[in-house]
PDB file of N, CA and C in Angstrom:
ATOM      1  N   MET A   1     -18.953  -4.052  -2.580  1.00  0.00           N
ATOM      2  CA  MET A   1     -19.352  -4.585  -1.145  1.00  0.00           C
ATOM      3  C   MET A   1     -20.088  -3.240  -1.316  1.00  0.00           C
ATOM      4  N   LEU A   2     -21.118  -3.551   0.404  1.00  0.00           N
ATOM      5  CA  LEU A   2     -22.057  -2.687   0.377  1.00  0.00           C
ATOM      6  C   LEU A   2     -21.205  -1.788   1.995  1.00  0.00           C
ATOM      7  N   GLY A   3     -21.246  -0.301   1.960  1.00  0.00           N
ATOM      8  CA  GLY A   3     -20.492  -0.144   3.138  1.00  0.00           C
ATOM      9  C   GLY A   3     -21.770   1.075   3.898  1.00  0.00           C
ATOM     10  N   VAL A   4     -20.713   2.097   4.598  1.00  0.00           N
ATOM     11  CA  VAL A   4     -21.885   2.969   5.067  1.00  0.00           C
ATOM     12  C   VAL A   4     -21.669   3.943   3.948  1.00  0.00           C
ATOM     13  N   ILE A   5     -22.622   4.565   4.166  1.00  0.00           N
ATOM     14  CA  ILE A   5     -23.251   5.686   2.826  1.00  0.00           C
ATOM     15  C   ILE A   5     -22.025   6.915   3.165  1.00  0.00           C
ATOM     16  N   GLY A   6     -21.519   6.901   1.740  1.00  0.00           N
ATOM     17  CA  GLY A   6     -21.006   7.670   1.420  1.00  0.00           C
ATOM     18  C   GLY A   6     -18.890   7.529   1.751  1.00  0.00           C
ATOM     19  N   LEU A   7     -18.953   5.976   2.193  1.00  0.00           N
ATOM     20  CA  LEU A   7     -17.421   5.490   2.270  1.00  0.00           C
ATOM     21  C   LEU A   7     -17.396   4.437   1.085  1.00  0.00           C
ATOM     22  N   LEU A   8     -15.988   4.628   0.772  1.00  0.00           N
ATOM     23  CA  LEU A   8     -15.470   3.808  -0.342  1.00  0.00           C
ATOM     24  C   LEU A   8     -14.978   2.316   0.442  1.00  0.00           C
ATOM     25  N   GLN A   9     -15.533   0.990  -0.014  1.00  0.00           N
ATOM     26  CA  GLN A   9     -14.809   0.334   0.718  1.00  0.00           C
ATOM     27  C   GLN A   9     -13.849  -0.168   0.191  1.00  0.00           C
ATOM     28  N   ILE A  10     -12.652  -1.016   0.918  1.00  0.00           N
ATOM     29  CA  ILE A  10     -11.164  -0.911   0.376  1.00  0.00           C
ATOM     30  C   ILE A  10     -10.458  -2.279   1.429  1.00  0.00           C
ATOM     31  N   GLU A  11      -9.575  -3.188   0.648  1.00  0.00           N
ATOM     32  CA  GLU A  11      -8.928  -4.216   0.905  1.00  0.00           C
ATOM     33  C   GLU A  11      -7.505  -3.627   1.480  1.00  0.00           C
ATOM     34  N   VAL A  12      -6.816  -3.890   2.639  1.00  0.00           N
ATOM     35  CA  VAL A  12      -5.692  -3.213   2.652  1.00  0.00           C
ATOM     36  C   VAL A  12      -4.621  -4.455   3.126  1.00  0.00           C
ATOM     37  N   ARG A  13      -3.969  -4.765   2.346  1.00  0.00           N
ATOM     38  CA  ARG A  13      -2.637  -6.035   3.106  1.00  0.00           C
ATOM     39  C   ARG A  13      -1.524  -5.066   3.155  1.00  0.00           C
ATOM     40  N   ALA A  14      -0.486  -6.002   4.306  1.00  0.00           N
ATOM     41  CA  ALA A  14       0.575  -4.918   4.341  1.00  0.00           C
ATOM     42  C   ALA A  14       1.679  -6.696   4.330  1.00  0.00           C
ATOM     43  N   PHE A  15       2.893  -6.213   4.463  1.00  0.00           N
ATOM     44  CA  PHE A  15       3.862  -7.063   3.642  1.00  0.00           C
ATOM     45  C   PHE A  15       5.095  -6.909   4.859  1.00  0.00           C
ATOM     46  N   SER A  16       5.291  -7.794   4.982  1.00  0.00           N
ATOM     47  CA  SER A  16       6.888  -7.987   6.219  1.00  0.00           C
ATOM     48  C   SER A  16       6.563  -7.365   7.229  1.00  0.00           C
ATOM     49  N   PHE A  17       7.381  -6.514   7.696  1.00  0.00           N
ATOM     50  CA  PHE A  17       7.315  -6.095   9.250  1.00  0.00           C
ATOM     51  C   PHE A  17       5.736  -5.066   8.785  1.00  0.00           C
ATOM     52  N   LEU A  18       5.343  -4.893   8.271  1.00  0.00           N
ATOM     53  CA  LEU A  18       4.021  -4.196   8.461  1.00  0.00           C
ATOM     54  C   LEU A  18       3.272  -4.593   8.493  1.00  0.00           C
ATOM     55  N   TYR A  19       3.306  -6.635   8.004  1.00  0.00           N
ATOM     56  CA  TYR A  19       2.143  -7.212   8.181  1.00  0.00           C
ATOM     57  C   TYR A  19       2.403  -7.604   9.700  1.00  0.00           C
ATOM     58  N   GLN A  20       3.526  -7.352  10.617  1.00  0.00           N
ATOM     59  CA  GLN A  20       3.241  -7.573  11.754  1.00  0.00           C
ATOM     60  C   GLN A  20       2.807  -6.389  12.465  1.00  0.00           C
ATOM     61  N   LEU A  21       2.845  -5.137  12.080  1.00  0.00           N
ATOM     62  CA  LEU A  21       1.952  -3.968  12.905  1.00  0.00           C
ATOM     63  C   LEU A  21       0.421  -4.686  13.035  1.00  0.00           C
ATOM     64  N   PHE A  22       0.045  -4.933  11.506  1.00  0.00           N
ATOM     65  CA  PHE A  22      -1.380  -4.865  11.783  1.00  0.00           C
ATOM     66  C   PHE A  22      -1.825  -6.189  12.275  1.00  0.00           C
ATOM     67  N   LYS A  23      -1.145  -6.790  12.765  1.00  0.00           N
ATOM     68  CA  LYS A  23      -0.991  -8.369  13.627  1.00  0.00           C
ATOM     69  C   LYS A  23      -1.437  -7.704  15.076  1.00  0.00           C
ATOM     70  N   GLU A  24      -0.032  -6.730  15.469  1.00  0.00           N
ATOM     71  CA  GLU A  24      -0.503  -6.275  16.706  1.00  0.00           C
ATOM     72  C   GLU A  24      -1.481  -5.696  17.185  1.00  0.00           C
ATOM     73  N   ARG A  25      -2.148  -4.830  16.365  1.00  0.00           N
ATOM     74  CA  ARG A  25      -3.214  -3.538  15.974  1.00  0.00           C
ATOM     75  C   ARG A  25      -4.826  -4.414  15.659  1.00  0.00           C
ATOM     76  N   GLY A  26      -4.382  -5.592  15.788  1.00  0.00           N
ATOM     77  CA  GLY A  26      -5.662  -7.022  15.454  1.00  0.00           C
ATOM     78  C   GLY A  26      -6.261  -6.457  14.247  1.00  0.00           C
ATOM     79  N   TRP A  27      -5.631  -6.191  13.455  1.00  0.00           N
ATOM     80  CA  TRP A  27      -6.249  -6.008  12.211  1.00  0.00           C
ATOM     81  C   TRP A  27      -6.118  -7.062  10.954  1.00  0.00           C
ATOM     82  N   SER A  28      -6.778  -7.607  10.518  1.00  0.00           N
ATOM     83  CA  SER A  28      -7.261  -8.987   9.870  1.00  0.00           C
ATOM     84  C   SER A  28      -6.255  -8.640   8.652  1.00  0.00           C
ATOM     85  N   GLN A  29      -6.193  -9.605   7.581  1.00  0.00           N
ATOM     86  CA  GLN A  29      -5.887  -9.415   6.521  1.00  0.00           C
ATOM     87  C   GLN A  29      -6.238 -10.233   5.491  1.00  0.00           C
ATOM     88  N   PRO A  30      -7.045  -9.873   4.156  1.00  0.00           N
ATOM     89  CA  PRO A  30      -7.284  -8.142   4.230  1.00  0.00           C
ATOM     90  C   PRO A  30      -8.099  -7.397   5.258  1.00  0.00           C
ATOM     91  N   TYR A  31      -7.489  -6.067   5.675  1.00  0.00           N
ATOM     92  CA  TYR A  31      -8.279  -5.391   6.403  1.00  0.00           C
ATOM     93  C   TYR A  31      -9.203  -4.690   5.927  1.00  0.00           C
ATOM     94  N   LEU A  32     -10.257  -5.151   5.874  1.00  0.00           N
ATOM     95  CA  LEU A  32     -11.727  -4.394   5.231  1.00  0.00           C
ATOM     96  C   LEU A  32     -12.102  -2.507   6.138  1.00  0.00           C
ATOM     97  N   LEU A  33     -12.147  -2.049   4.757  1.00  0.00           N
ATOM     98  CA  LEU A  33     -11.752  -0.235   5.378  1.00  0.00           C
ATOM     99  C   LEU A  33     -12.596   0.661   4.740  1.00  0.00           C
ATOM    100  N   GLY A  34     -13.144   1.058   5.390  1.00  0.00           N
ATOM    101  CA  GLY A  34     -14.780   2.631   4.757  1.00  0.00           C
ATOM    102  C   GLY A  34     -13.319   3.576   4.621  1.00  0.00           C
ATOM    103  N   VAL A  35     -13.442   3.972   3.054  1.00  0.00           N
ATOM    104  CA  VAL A  35     -12.675   5.286   3.558  1.00  0.00           C
ATOM    105  C   VAL A  35     -14.067   6.527   2.750  1.00  0.00           C
ATOM    106  N   PRO A  36     -13.494   7.661   2.764  1.00  0.00           N
ATOM    107  CA  PRO A  36     -14.302   8.883   2.570  1.00  0.00           C
ATOM    108  C   PRO A  36     -14.264   9.161   0.505  1.00  0.00           C
ATOM    109  N   GLU A  37     -14.978   9.424  -0.380  1.00  0.00           N
ATOM    110  CA  GLU A  37     -14.435   9.704  -1.708  1.00  0.00           C
ATOM    111  C   GLU A  37     -13.648  10.488  -1.217  1.00  0.00           C
ATOM    112  N   GLY A  38     -12.147  10.614  -2.423  1.00  0.00           N
ATOM    113  CA  GLY A  38     -11.476  11.732  -2.851  1.00  0.00           C
ATOM    114  C   GLY A  38     -10.051  11.510  -1.631  1.00  0.00           C
ATOM    115  N   CYS A  39     -10.103   9.872  -1.222  1.00  0.00           N
ATOM    116  CA  CYS A  39      -9.107   9.651  -0.037  1.00  0.00           C
ATOM    117  C   CYS A  39      -8.154   9.386  -1.011  1.00  0.00           C
ATOM    118  N   THR A  40      -6.921  10.011  -0.805  1.00  0.00           N
ATOM    119  CA  THR A  40      -5.715   9.589  -1.449  1.00  0.00           C
ATOM    120  C   THR A  40      -4.842   8.746  -0.197  1.00  0.00           C
ATOM    121  N   LEU A  41      -3.928   7.440  -1.144  1.00  0.00           N
ATOM    122  CA  LEU A  41      -2.917   6.604  -0.482  1.00  0.00           C
ATOM    123  C   LEU A  41      -2.223   7.284  -0.045  1.00  0.00           C
ATOM    124  N   ALA A  42      -1.734   9.124   0.415  1.00  0.00           N
ATOM    125  CA  ALA A  42      -1.305   9.314   1.489  1.00  0.00           C
ATOM    126  C   ALA A  42      -2.418   9.657   2.552  1.00  0.00           C
ATOM    127  N   LYS A  43      -3.586  10.025   2.197  1.00  0.00           N
ATOM    128  CA  LYS A  43      -4.340  10.135   3.600  1.00  0.00           C
ATOM    129  C   LYS A  43      -4.654   8.475   4.209  1.00  0.00           C
ATOM    130  N   LEU A  44      -4.506   7.641   3.269  1.00  0.00           N
ATOM    131  CA  LEU A  44      -4.694   6.322   3.834  1.00  0.00           C
ATOM    132  C   LEU A  44      -3.814   6.096   4.993  1.00  0.00           C
ATOM    133  N   LEU A  45      -2.956   6.399   4.475  1.00  0.00           N
ATOM    134  CA  LEU A  45      -1.525   6.475   5.693  1.00  0.00           C
ATOM    135  C   LEU A  45      -1.836   6.854   6.831  1.00  0.00           C
ATOM    136  N   GLU A  46      -2.185   7.877   6.416  1.00  0.00           N
ATOM    137  CA  GLU A  46      -2.367   9.067   7.825  1.00  0.00           C
ATOM    138  C   GLU A  46      -3.262   8.061   8.907  1.00  0.00           C
ATOM    139  N   VAL A  47      -4.644   7.978   8.470  1.00  0.00           N
ATOM    140  CA  VAL A  47      -5.808   7.160   8.951  1.00  0.00           C
ATOM    141  C   VAL A  47      -5.522   5.646   9.740  1.00  0.00           C
ATOM    142  N   LEU A  48      -4.048   5.069   8.970  1.00  0.00           N
ATOM    143  CA  LEU A  48      -3.404   4.103   9.249  1.00  0.00           C
ATOM    144  C   LEU A  48      -2.703   3.802  10.518  1.00  0.00           C
ATOM    145  N   GLU A  49      -2.046   5.501  10.641  1.00  0.00           N
ATOM    146  CA  GLU A  49      -0.962   5.644  11.473  1.00  0.00           C
ATOM    147  C   GLU A  49       0.095   4.872  11.163  1.00  0.00           C
ATOM    148  N   ILE A  50       0.176   4.980   9.664  1.00  0.00           N
ATOM    149  CA  ILE A  50       1.481   4.239   9.297  1.00  0.00           C
ATOM    150  C   ILE A  50       2.562   5.716   8.619  1.00  0.00           C
ATOM    151  N   PRO A  51       3.843   5.884   8.966  1.00  0.00           N
ATOM    152  CA  PRO A  51       4.168   7.086   8.414  1.00  0.00           C
ATOM    153  C   PRO A  51       4.491   6.433   6.898  1.00  0.00           C
ATOM    154  N   ALA A  52       4.919   7.981   6.006  1.00  0.00           N
ATOM    155  CA  ALA A  52       5.155   6.946   4.746  1.00  0.00           C
ATOM    156  C   ALA A  52       6.514   6.630   4.535  1.00  0.00           C
ATOM    157  N   GLU A  53       7.198   7.216   5.257  1.00  0.00           N
ATOM    158  CA  GLU A  53       8.749   6.841   4.680  1.00  0.00           C
ATOM    159  C   GLU A  53       8.890   5.143   5.712  1.00  0.00           C
ATOM    160  N   LYS A  54       7.703   4.583   5.842  1.00  0.00           N
ATOM    161  CA  LYS A  54       7.701   3.371   5.769  1.00  0.00           C
ATOM    162  C   LYS A  54       7.549   2.114   5.109  1.00  0.00           C
ATOM    163  N   VAL A  55       7.259   2.903   4.088  1.00  0.00           N
ATOM    164  CA  VAL A  55       6.595   2.578   2.937  1.00  0.00           C
ATOM    165  C   VAL A  55       7.341   2.881   1.292  1.00  0.00           C
ATOM    166  N   GLU A  56       8.057   1.828   0.552  1.00  0.00           N
ATOM    167  CA  GLU A  56       8.647   1.875  -0.173  1.00  0.00           C
ATOM    168  C   GLU A  56       7.595   2.318  -1.657  1.00  0.00           C
ATOM    169  N   ALA A  57       6.859   0.996  -1.399  1.00  0.00           N
ATOM    170  CA  ALA A  57       5.395   1.235  -2.466  1.00  0.00           C
ATOM    171  C   ALA A  57       4.260   1.266  -2.086  1.00  0.00           C
ATOM    172  N   VAL A  58       3.138   1.777  -2.795  1.00  0.00           N
ATOM    173  CA  VAL A  58       1.637   0.964  -3.011  1.00  0.00           C
ATOM    174  C   VAL A  58       1.211   0.414  -4.107  1.00  0.00           C
ATOM    175  N   LEU A  59       0.452  -0.759  -3.811  1.00  0.00           N
ATOM    176  CA  LEU A  59      -0.088  -1.350  -5.412  1.00  0.00           C
ATOM    177  C   LEU A  59      -1.291  -1.202  -4.853  1.00  0.00           C
ATOM    178  N   VAL A  60      -2.060  -0.639  -5.758  1.00  0.00           N
ATOM    179  CA  VAL A  60      -3.719  -0.699  -6.030  1.00  0.00           C
ATOM    180  C   VAL A  60      -4.183  -1.483  -6.650  1.00  0.00           C
ATOM    181  N   ASN A  61      -4.672  -3.091  -6.916  1.00  0.00           N
ATOM    182  CA  ASN A  61      -4.828  -3.632  -8.267  1.00  0.00           C
ATOM    183  C   ASN A  61      -4.031  -4.451  -8.552  1.00  0.00           C
ATOM    184  N   GLY A  62      -2.595  -4.583  -7.863  1.00  0.00           N
ATOM    185  CA  GLY A  62      -1.617  -5.129  -8.659  1.00  0.00           C
ATOM    186  C   GLY A  62      -0.660  -3.999  -9.125  1.00  0.00           C
ATOM    187  N   ARG A  63      -0.831  -3.104  -9.298  1.00  0.00           N
ATOM    188  CA  ARG A  63      -0.082  -1.710  -9.315  1.00  0.00           C
ATOM    189  C   ARG A  63       0.612  -0.614  -8.757  1.00  0.00           C
ATOM    190  N   VAL A  64       1.605  -0.402  -9.097  1.00  0.00           N
ATOM    191  CA  VAL A  64       2.168   0.377  -8.219  1.00  0.00           C
ATOM    192  C   VAL A  64       1.719   2.009  -8.643  1.00  0.00           C
ATOM    193  N   ARG A  65       1.368   3.035  -7.115  1.00  0.00           N
ATOM    194  CA  ARG A  65       0.811   3.980  -7.636  1.00  0.00           C
ATOM    195  C   ARG A  65       1.364   5.106  -6.934  1.00  0.00           C
ATOM    196  N   ASP A  66       0.998   6.164  -6.803  1.00  0.00           N
ATOM    197  CA  ASP A  66       1.418   7.425  -6.369  1.00  0.00           C
ATOM    198  C   ASP A  66       0.832   7.495  -5.150  1.00  0.00           C
ATOM    199  N   LEU A  67       1.452   8.869  -4.060  1.00  0.00           N
ATOM    200  CA  LEU A  67       0.832   8.431  -2.852  1.00  0.00           C
ATOM    201  C   LEU A  67      -0.630   9.406  -2.962  1.00  0.00           C
ATOM    202  N   ASP A  68      -0.675  10.279  -4.237  1.00  0.00           N
ATOM    203  CA  ASP A  68      -1.747  11.346  -4.593  1.00  0.00           C
ATOM    204  C   ASP A  68      -2.797  10.525  -5.145  1.00  0.00           C
ATOM    205  N   TYR A  69      -2.655   9.207  -5.399  1.00  0.00           N
ATOM    206  CA  TYR A  69      -4.079   8.253  -6.191  1.00  0.00           C
ATOM    207  C   TYR A  69      -5.078   8.235  -5.417  1.00  0.00           C
ATOM    208  N   GLU A  70      -6.155   8.682  -6.157  1.00  0.00           N
ATOM    209  CA  GLU A  70      -7.447   8.659  -5.218  1.00  0.00           C
ATOM    210  C   GLU A  70      -8.172   7.309  -5.280  1.00  0.00           C
ATOM    211  N   LEU A  71      -8.286   7.010  -3.973  1.00  0.00           N
ATOM    212  CA  LEU A  71      -9.243   5.182  -3.785  1.00  0.00           C
ATOM    213  C   LEU A  71     -10.450   5.219  -4.380  1.00  0.00           C
ATOM    214  N   GLN A  72     -10.903   4.190  -5.140  1.00  0.00           N
ATOM    215  CA  GLN A  72     -12.213   3.865  -5.574  1.00  0.00           C
ATOM    216  C   GLN A  72     -12.737   2.827  -4.609  1.00  0.00           C
ATOM    217  N   GLU A  73     -13.808   2.589  -4.788  1.00  0.00           N
ATOM    218  CA  GLU A  73     -14.984   1.240  -4.635  1.00  0.00           C
ATOM    219  C   GLU A  73     -13.898   0.173  -5.107  1.00  0.00           C
ATOM    220  N   GLY A  74     -13.990  -0.744  -4.002  1.00  0.00           N
ATOM    221  CA  GLY A  74     -13.174  -2.337  -4.189  1.00  0.00           C
ATOM    222  C   GLY A  74     -11.663  -1.964  -4.600  1.00  0.00           C
ATOM    223  N   ASP A  75     -11.460  -1.052  -4.306  1.00  0.00           N
ATOM    224  CA  ASP A  75      -9.447  -1.019  -4.291  1.00  0.00           C
ATOM    225  C   ASP A  75      -9.041  -2.091  -3.623  1.00  0.00           C
ATOM    226  N   ARG A  76      -7.997  -2.776  -4.098  1.00  0.00           N
ATOM    227  CA  ARG A  76      -7.091  -3.687  -3.150  1.00  0.00           C
ATOM    228  C   ARG A  76      -5.286  -3.035  -2.730  1.00  0.00           C
ATOM    229  N   VAL A  77      -5.690  -2.736  -1.806  1.00  0.00           N
ATOM    230  CA  VAL A  77      -4.301  -2.087  -1.156  1.00  0.00           C
ATOM    231  C   VAL A  77      -3.214  -2.987  -0.698  1.00  0.00           C
ATOM    232  N   GLY A  78      -2.147  -2.846  -1.551  1.00  0.00           N
ATOM    233  CA  GLY A  78      -1.091  -3.622  -0.451  1.00  0.00           C
ATOM    234  C   GLY A  78       0.277  -2.814  -0.479  1.00  0.00           C
ATOM    235  N   LEU A  79       0.707  -2.971   1.210  1.00  0.00           N
ATOM    236  CA  LEU A  79       1.386  -2.026   1.426  1.00  0.00           C
ATOM    237  C   LEU A  79       2.745  -2.643   1.844  1.00  0.00           C
ATOM    238  N   VAL A  80       4.165  -1.780   1.056  1.00  0.00           N
ATOM    239  CA  VAL A  80       5.281  -2.913   0.807  1.00  0.00           C
ATOM    240  C   VAL A  80       6.163  -2.095   1.674  1.00  0.00           C
ATOM    241  N   PRO A  81       6.732  -2.611   2.637  1.00  0.00           N
ATOM    242  CA  PRO A  81       8.054  -1.493   3.049  1.00  0.00           C
ATOM    243  C   PRO A  81       9.187  -1.770   2.785  1.00  0.00           C
ATOM    244  N   PRO A  82      10.431  -0.621   3.089  1.00  0.00           N
ATOM    245  CA  PRO A  82      11.505  -0.729   2.415  1.00  0.00           C
ATOM    246  C   PRO A  82      12.152  -2.298   2.702  1.00  0.00           C
ATOM    247  N   GLY A  83      13.313  -2.581   1.646  1.00  0.00           N
ATOM    248  CA  GLY A  83      13.447  -3.972   2.105  1.00  0.00           C
ATOM    249  C   GLY A  83      13.396  -5.093   1.288  1.00  0.00           C
ATOM    250  N   THR A  84      12.382  -4.344   0.621  1.00  0.00           N
ATOM    251  CA  THR A  84      12.321  -5.848  -0.968  1.00  0.00           C
ATOM    252  C   THR A  84      13.381  -6.151  -1.573  1.00  0.00           C
ATOM    253  N   PRO A  85      13.802  -7.104  -1.986  1.00  0.00           N
ATOM    254  CA  PRO A  85      14.774  -7.731  -2.561  1.00  0.00           C
ATOM    255  C   PRO A  85      15.180  -7.307  -3.775  1.00  0.00           C
ATOM    256  N   GLY A  86      16.244  -6.191  -4.323  1.00  0.00           N
ATOM    257  CA  GLY A  86      16.523  -5.890  -5.860  1.00  0.00           C
ATOM    258  C   GLY A  86      15.419  -6.569  -6.922  1.00  0.00           C
ATOM    259  N   PRO A  87      15.750  -7.379  -7.206  1.00  0.00           N
ATOM    260  CA  PRO A  87      15.283  -8.155  -8.598  1.00  0.00           C
ATOM    261  C   PRO A  87      13.565  -7.658  -8.867  1.00  0.00           C
ATOM    262  N   TYR A  88      13.134  -7.596  -7.370  1.00  0.00           N
ATOM    263  CA  TYR A  88      11.770  -7.595  -7.179  1.00  0.00           C
ATOM    264  C   TYR A  88      11.488  -6.378  -7.091  1.00  0.00           C
ATOM    265  N   ARG A  89      11.897  -5.166  -7.087  1.00  0.00           N
ATOM    266  CA  ARG A  89      11.637  -4.206  -6.812  1.00  0.00           C
ATOM    267  C   ARG A  89      11.517  -3.711  -8.598  1.00  0.00           C
ATOM    268  N   VAL A  90      12.260  -4.506  -9.231  1.00  0.00           N
ATOM    269  CA  VAL A  90      11.992  -3.915 -10.706  1.00  0.00           C
ATOM    270  C   VAL A  90      10.752  -4.735 -11.369  1.00  0.00           C
ATOM    271  N   LEU A  91      10.734  -6.025 -10.487  1.00  0.00           N
ATOM    272  CA  LEU A  91       9.823  -6.746 -11.589  1.00  0.00           C
ATOM    273  C   LEU A  91       8.341  -6.140 -11.054  1.00  0.00           C
ATOM    274  N   LEU A  92       8.212  -5.436  -9.744  1.00  0.00           N
ATOM    275  CA  LEU A  92       7.311  -4.966  -8.762  1.00  0.00           C
ATOM    276  C   LEU A  92       6.785  -3.813  -9.741  1.00  0.00           C
ATOM    277  N   GLY A  93       7.890  -3.060  -9.968  1.00  0.00           N
ATOM    278  CA  GLY A  93       7.589  -1.437 -10.813  1.00  0.00           C
ATOM    279  C   GLY A  93       7.930  -0.482  -9.793  1.00  0.00           C
ATOM    280  N   PHE A  94       8.816  -0.773  -9.019  1.00  0.00           N
ATOM    281  CA  PHE A  94       9.239   0.403  -7.732  1.00  0.00           C
ATOM    282  C   PHE A  94      10.122   0.592  -8.399  1.00  0.00           C
ATOM    283  N   VAL A  95      10.876   0.519  -9.122  1.00  0.00           N
ATOM    284  CA  VAL A  95      12.136   0.902  -9.876  1.00  0.00           C
ATOM    285  C   VAL A  95      11.849   1.260 -11.228  1.00  0.00           C
ATOM    286  N   LYS A  96      11.743   2.040 -11.730  1.00  0.00           N
ATOM    287  CA  LYS A  96      11.623   2.395 -13.010  1.00  0.00           C
ATOM    288  C   LYS A  96      12.995   2.435 -14.157  1.00  0.00           C
ATOM    289  N   GLY A  97      12.750   2.355 -15.366  1.00  0.00           N
ATOM    290  CA  GLY A  97      14.032   2.866 -16.482  1.00  0.00           C
ATOM    291  C   GLY A  97      15.385   2.171 -16.250  1.00  0.00           C
ATOM    292  N   CYS A  98      16.312   2.342 -16.802  1.00  0.00           N
ATOM    293  CA  CYS A  98      17.481   1.843 -16.696  1.00  0.00           C
ATOM    294  C   CYS A  98      18.292   1.782 -15.157  1.00  0.00           C
ATOM    295  N   VAL A  99      18.506   1.105 -14.695  1.00  0.00           N
ATOM    296  CA  VAL A  99      19.265   1.032 -13.363  1.00  0.00           C
ATOM    297  C   VAL A  99      20.492  -0.030 -13.240  1.00  0.00           C
ATOM    298  N   ARG A 100      21.557   0.440 -12.540  1.00  0.00           N
ATOM    299  CA  ARG A 100      22.726  -0.136 -12.580  1.00  0.00           C
ATOM    300  C   ARG A 100      22.522  -1.383 -11.633  1.00  0.00           C
ATOM    301  N   ALA A 101      22.941  -2.363 -11.466  1.00  0.00           N
ATOM    302  CA  ALA A 101      23.088  -3.526 -10.646  1.00  0.00           C
ATOM    303  C   ALA A 101      23.018  -3.177  -9.036  1.00  0.00           C
ATOM    304  N   ASP A 102      24.015  -2.335  -9.549  1.00  0.00           N
ATOM    305  CA  ASP A 102      24.960  -1.828  -7.428  1.00  0.00           C
ATOM    306  C   ASP A 102      23.126  -1.142  -7.134  1.00  0.00           C
ATOM    307  N   ASP A 103      22.439  -0.726  -7.498  1.00  0.00           N
ATOM    308  CA  ASP A 103      21.381  -0.092  -7.337  1.00  0.00           C
ATOM    309  C   ASP A 103      19.872  -0.577  -6.542  1.00  0.00           C
ATOM    310  N   LEU A 104      19.868  -1.821  -6.922  1.00  0.00           N
ATOM    311  CA  LEU A 104      19.060  -2.776  -6.781  1.00  0.00           C
ATOM    312  C   LEU A 104      19.270  -2.980  -5.521  1.00  0.00           C
ATOM    313  N   LEU A 105      20.602  -3.553  -4.908  1.00  0.00           N
ATOM    314  CA  LEU A 105      20.803  -4.237  -3.890  1.00  0.00           C
ATOM    315  C   LEU A 105      21.056  -3.239  -2.569  1.00  0.00           C
ATOM    316  N   LEU A 106      20.297  -4.267  -1.459  1.00  0.00           N
ATOM    317  CA  LEU A 106      20.070  -2.656  -0.315  1.00  0.00           C
ATOM    318  C   LEU A 106      20.535  -3.484   0.929  1.00  0.00           C
TER     319      LEU A 106
END
C-alpha cells in the first residue's frame, strides 16, 4: 500500500460493540489508516480514542500482541473487546498456560 510519506498504512477491524463504535463514527471495515513509524498499539488506541480497558486483546496479522508492539507497513489489526466466550479466548491466545474452566467463564 502506498501512503503519505513517513506514514505506515495499516488496516484496523473491530468486533462486537467496537464494531458498532466504528459504524457510529462512519469508519469502514477495514478502516484504512496511516500511522507514523514507531507507532505502538497503545498509541493506536489513543489515536482512535478507544480506552485500553475497552479492548481485551489486539490481534496483528492474526496473532495476539502486547500494546507495546510497534506497527509495521501493511499490518492488519483486530480489536477484540471483553466478553469473548471462554473457549475462543484460549483458541485465539488471549489466555495462556494452564487455566481452570471457571476462569474461562465470563
